[in-house]
Protein backbone atom coordinates (compact mmCIF):
# COMPACT_ATOMS: atom_id res chain seq x y z
CA MET A 1 159.16 153.48 45.03
CA VAL A 2 157.27 154.70 48.11
CA THR A 3 156.57 158.41 48.48
CA TYR A 4 155.22 160.33 51.48
CA ASN A 5 152.95 163.36 51.36
CA GLN A 6 152.07 165.19 54.58
CA HIS A 7 148.92 166.73 53.11
CA LEU A 8 147.70 163.25 52.07
CA PHE A 9 148.46 161.95 55.57
CA ASP A 10 146.53 164.78 57.21
CA SER A 11 143.54 164.19 54.95
CA GLN A 12 143.52 160.42 55.53
CA TRP A 13 143.97 160.87 59.28
CA ALA A 14 141.06 163.31 59.54
CA THR A 15 138.80 161.06 57.46
CA VAL A 16 139.58 157.94 59.49
CA GLN A 17 139.16 159.74 62.81
CA ASN A 18 135.77 161.06 61.72
CA ASP A 19 134.69 157.58 60.54
CA LEU A 20 136.00 156.02 63.75
CA THR A 21 134.11 158.44 65.98
CA HIS A 22 130.89 157.85 64.03
CA ALA A 23 131.33 154.05 64.14
CA LEU A 24 132.00 153.98 67.89
CA SER A 25 128.88 156.08 68.45
CA GLN A 26 126.79 153.62 66.42
CA LEU A 27 128.25 150.63 68.26
CA ALA A 28 127.46 152.29 71.57
CA ALA A 29 123.84 152.70 70.47
CA VAL A 30 123.63 149.01 69.47
CA ARG A 31 125.10 147.91 72.79
CA GLN A 32 122.68 150.12 74.72
CA ASN A 33 119.70 148.74 72.81
CA LEU A 34 120.79 145.18 73.60
CA GLN A 35 121.21 146.06 77.26
CA ASN A 36 117.76 147.68 77.33
CA ARG A 37 116.24 144.53 75.82
CA ALA A 38 118.06 142.35 78.36
CA ASP A 39 116.67 144.56 81.15
CA ALA A 40 113.16 144.27 79.65
CA LEU A 41 113.10 148.01 78.99
CA LEU A 42 112.75 147.36 75.25
CA LYS A 43 110.22 144.77 74.16
CA ARG A 44 109.15 145.82 70.68
CA GLY A 45 110.46 144.32 67.47
CA ALA A 46 112.04 140.99 66.69
CA LYS A 47 114.44 139.53 69.20
CA PRO A 48 118.01 139.92 67.92
CA SER A 49 120.34 136.97 67.43
CA VAL A 50 124.10 136.74 67.62
CA GLU A 51 124.23 136.56 63.80
CA SER A 52 122.02 139.62 63.31
CA VAL A 53 124.13 141.68 65.73
CA GLU A 54 127.32 140.58 63.97
CA ARG A 55 125.84 141.63 60.64
CA LYS A 56 124.95 145.00 62.16
CA CYS A 57 128.52 145.43 63.36
CA ASP A 58 129.83 144.56 59.89
CA GLN A 59 127.58 147.24 58.40
CA ILE A 60 128.83 149.84 60.87
CA LEU A 61 132.49 148.94 60.21
CA HIS A 62 132.18 148.54 56.45
CA ARG A 63 134.47 151.48 55.65
CA GLN A 64 138.14 150.72 55.44
CA PRO A 65 140.10 150.45 57.65
CA LEU A 66 137.55 150.39 60.51
CA ARG A 67 137.55 146.59 60.74
CA GLN A 68 141.25 146.79 61.56
CA LEU A 69 140.82 149.59 64.09
CA VAL A 70 137.85 148.28 66.08
CA GLN A 71 137.51 144.84 67.66
CA THR A 72 133.99 143.57 68.34
CA THR A 73 132.77 140.51 70.23
CA VAL A 74 129.16 139.31 70.26
CA THR A 75 128.16 136.70 72.84
CA GLN A 76 124.90 135.12 73.93
CA GLY A 77 123.83 136.90 77.11
CA LEU A 78 121.16 136.41 79.75
CA ALA A 79 117.56 135.86 78.70
CA GLY A 80 118.80 134.87 75.25
CA VAL A 81 119.74 138.45 74.37
CA PRO A 82 123.16 138.91 72.68
CA GLN A 83 125.69 141.20 74.30
CA LEU A 84 128.15 143.37 72.40
CA ALA A 85 131.64 144.32 73.52
CA TYR A 86 133.93 146.49 71.44
CA GLN A 87 137.11 148.52 71.73
CA ALA A 88 139.38 150.58 69.51
CA ASP A 89 142.80 149.10 68.85
CA PRO A 90 145.51 151.79 69.19
CA THR A 91 148.19 149.30 68.09
CA ALA A 92 146.45 148.77 64.74
CA GLN A 93 146.08 152.52 64.30
CA GLN A 94 149.78 153.06 64.95
CA ALA A 95 150.64 150.31 62.46
CA LEU A 96 148.58 152.02 59.74
CA THR A 97 150.19 155.35 60.61
CA ASP A 98 153.66 153.83 60.19
CA THR A 99 152.99 151.83 57.02
CA CYS A 100 150.07 153.21 54.97
CA TRP A 101 148.73 156.69 55.62
CA GLY A 102 150.32 159.45 53.59
CA LYS A 103 152.25 156.97 51.47
CA THR A 104 151.92 156.11 47.79
CA LEU A 105 153.51 153.13 46.05
CA LEU A 106 154.72 154.01 42.55
CA ILE A 107 155.55 151.28 40.02
CA THR A 108 157.12 152.14 36.68
CA GLY A 109 158.82 150.39 33.81
CA HIS A 110 161.11 153.37 33.17
CA LYS A 111 164.18 151.91 34.82
CA HIS A 112 166.43 154.71 33.56
CA TRP A 113 164.36 157.44 35.29
CA THR A 114 165.60 159.02 38.48
CA ASP A 115 163.43 159.08 41.60
CA ALA A 116 162.64 162.75 40.97
CA GLN A 117 161.51 162.01 37.40
CA VAL A 118 159.19 159.21 38.53
CA ILE A 119 157.59 161.40 41.19
CA ARG A 120 157.28 164.35 38.79
CA ALA A 121 155.59 162.18 36.15
CA TYR A 122 153.14 160.77 38.71
CA ARG A 123 152.24 164.15 40.11
CA SER A 124 151.78 165.58 36.61
CA GLN A 125 148.94 163.20 35.81
CA PHE A 126 146.48 165.84 36.95
CA VAL A 127 147.29 167.80 33.79
CA ILE A 128 145.95 164.97 31.60
CA GLU A 129 142.94 164.59 33.88
CA GLU A 130 142.17 168.31 33.58
CA ILE A 131 142.39 168.14 29.79
CA SER A 132 139.99 165.19 29.73
CA HIS A 133 137.62 167.07 32.01
CA GLU A 134 137.79 170.18 29.81
CA MET A 135 137.09 168.18 26.66
CA LYS A 136 133.89 166.83 28.20
CA ASP A 137 132.78 170.21 29.57
CA ARG A 138 129.72 171.30 27.57
CA ARG A 139 130.51 174.97 28.17
CA ILE A 140 134.18 175.21 27.22
CA GLY A 141 134.86 171.69 25.95
CA THR A 142 135.88 170.75 22.42
CA TRP A 143 134.17 167.38 22.13
CA TRP A 144 130.55 168.45 22.49
CA PRO A 145 128.22 168.78 20.75
CA LEU A 146 128.79 165.56 18.80
CA ARG A 147 126.41 165.63 15.85
CA HIS A 148 127.73 162.53 14.08
CA TRP A 149 126.64 158.91 14.09
CA THR A 150 128.97 157.00 11.74
CA ASP A 151 132.36 155.75 12.88
CA SER A 152 134.29 157.58 10.17
CA LYS A 153 132.76 160.94 10.96
CA ILE A 154 133.20 160.43 14.70
CA GLN A 155 136.89 159.67 14.08
CA VAL A 156 137.29 162.89 12.09
CA HIS A 157 135.44 164.76 14.82
CA GLY A 158 137.84 163.31 17.38
CA LEU A 159 140.80 164.35 15.24
CA TYR A 160 139.89 168.02 14.99
CA CYS A 161 138.82 168.11 18.64
CA THR A 162 142.30 166.85 19.56
CA ILE A 163 143.88 169.47 17.31
CA ALA A 164 141.74 172.11 19.03
CA VAL A 165 142.98 170.91 22.43
CA LEU A 166 146.60 171.18 21.26
CA LEU A 167 146.05 174.69 19.89
CA ARG A 168 144.37 175.78 23.13
CA ALA A 169 147.24 174.31 25.16
CA LEU A 170 149.73 176.20 22.99
CA LEU A 171 147.75 179.41 23.43
CA CYS A 172 147.56 178.92 27.19
CA ARG A 173 151.32 178.31 27.33
CA ARG A 174 152.03 181.51 25.40
CA VAL A 175 149.77 183.46 27.75
CA GLN A 176 151.50 182.03 30.83
CA GLN A 177 154.92 182.76 29.34
CA ALA A 178 153.76 186.36 28.98
CA GLY A 179 153.19 186.47 32.75
CA LEU A 180 149.39 186.13 32.81
CA ARG A 181 148.14 183.57 35.33
CA LEU A 182 144.87 182.42 33.79
CA SER A 183 143.09 179.10 33.79
CA MET A 184 141.79 177.72 30.52
CA ALA A 185 138.24 178.71 31.44
CA GLY A 186 139.37 182.22 32.40
CA LEU A 187 141.39 182.59 29.22
CA LEU A 188 138.50 181.52 26.99
CA GLU A 189 136.15 183.83 28.87
CA LYS A 190 138.40 186.83 28.28
CA LEU A 191 138.93 185.93 24.63
CA GLY A 192 135.17 185.68 24.25
CA ARG A 193 134.87 189.37 25.14
CA ILE A 194 137.00 190.46 22.19
CA GLN A 195 134.78 192.03 19.52
CA GLN A 196 137.37 193.47 17.18
CA VAL A 197 140.76 192.26 15.99
CA ILE A 198 143.30 194.33 14.06
CA ASN A 199 145.93 192.38 12.13
CA VAL A 200 149.17 194.27 11.55
CA TYR A 201 151.37 192.84 8.80
CA PRO A 202 155.02 193.62 8.06
CA ALA A 203 155.59 196.52 5.70
CA ARG A 204 155.74 195.62 2.04
CA ARG A 205 157.97 198.56 1.33
CA ALA A 206 159.96 200.88 3.51
CA GLY A 207 157.73 203.19 5.52
CA GLN A 208 154.52 201.30 4.66
CA THR A 209 152.41 199.19 7.05
CA VAL A 210 149.37 197.17 6.04
CA THR A 211 146.45 196.72 8.46
CA GLU A 212 143.07 195.03 8.29
């Protein structure tokens, strides 16, 4: 399945245009230096070769997909000084716009899922990524500090850390169901301010309430 996201397209387009502008500026500087050397205006340093200029061009166009968007030609010029010619390829840019940018290819083995279910599952991966990030966070995480060295104790540590993550997720869900829009960090910060808790239990007998 192929999906399209306008925000992803806009981000990729802006990134490529910025890289393209920077690369064309660098290529212009290389071409000007070669021309200055051919005109004997630049005499310092080692004399460039066709191979060295080609390597320089490869370095400038190392980011994808610049090699597809810019065509370069290095030839041996007068006085043994290489000459560089380059140009942006609008046809290649249009081809990438039509086929790649903003698009994501999703592959799944869940043949019984609908298109909407596949897309929803893919776009929900960030939830798992956030949980993993929270577990490793040394301020609010559950995994650290790890003060164990043997495999058995580390496994037990991992078990109760996972239980803690599940309990926190349940707590966060209850809070959100109550209409409070809080992140996990914000929720834990507010809970950390609580200094007193009063537990109210059901009455044992009519008209009697037990508190602690």
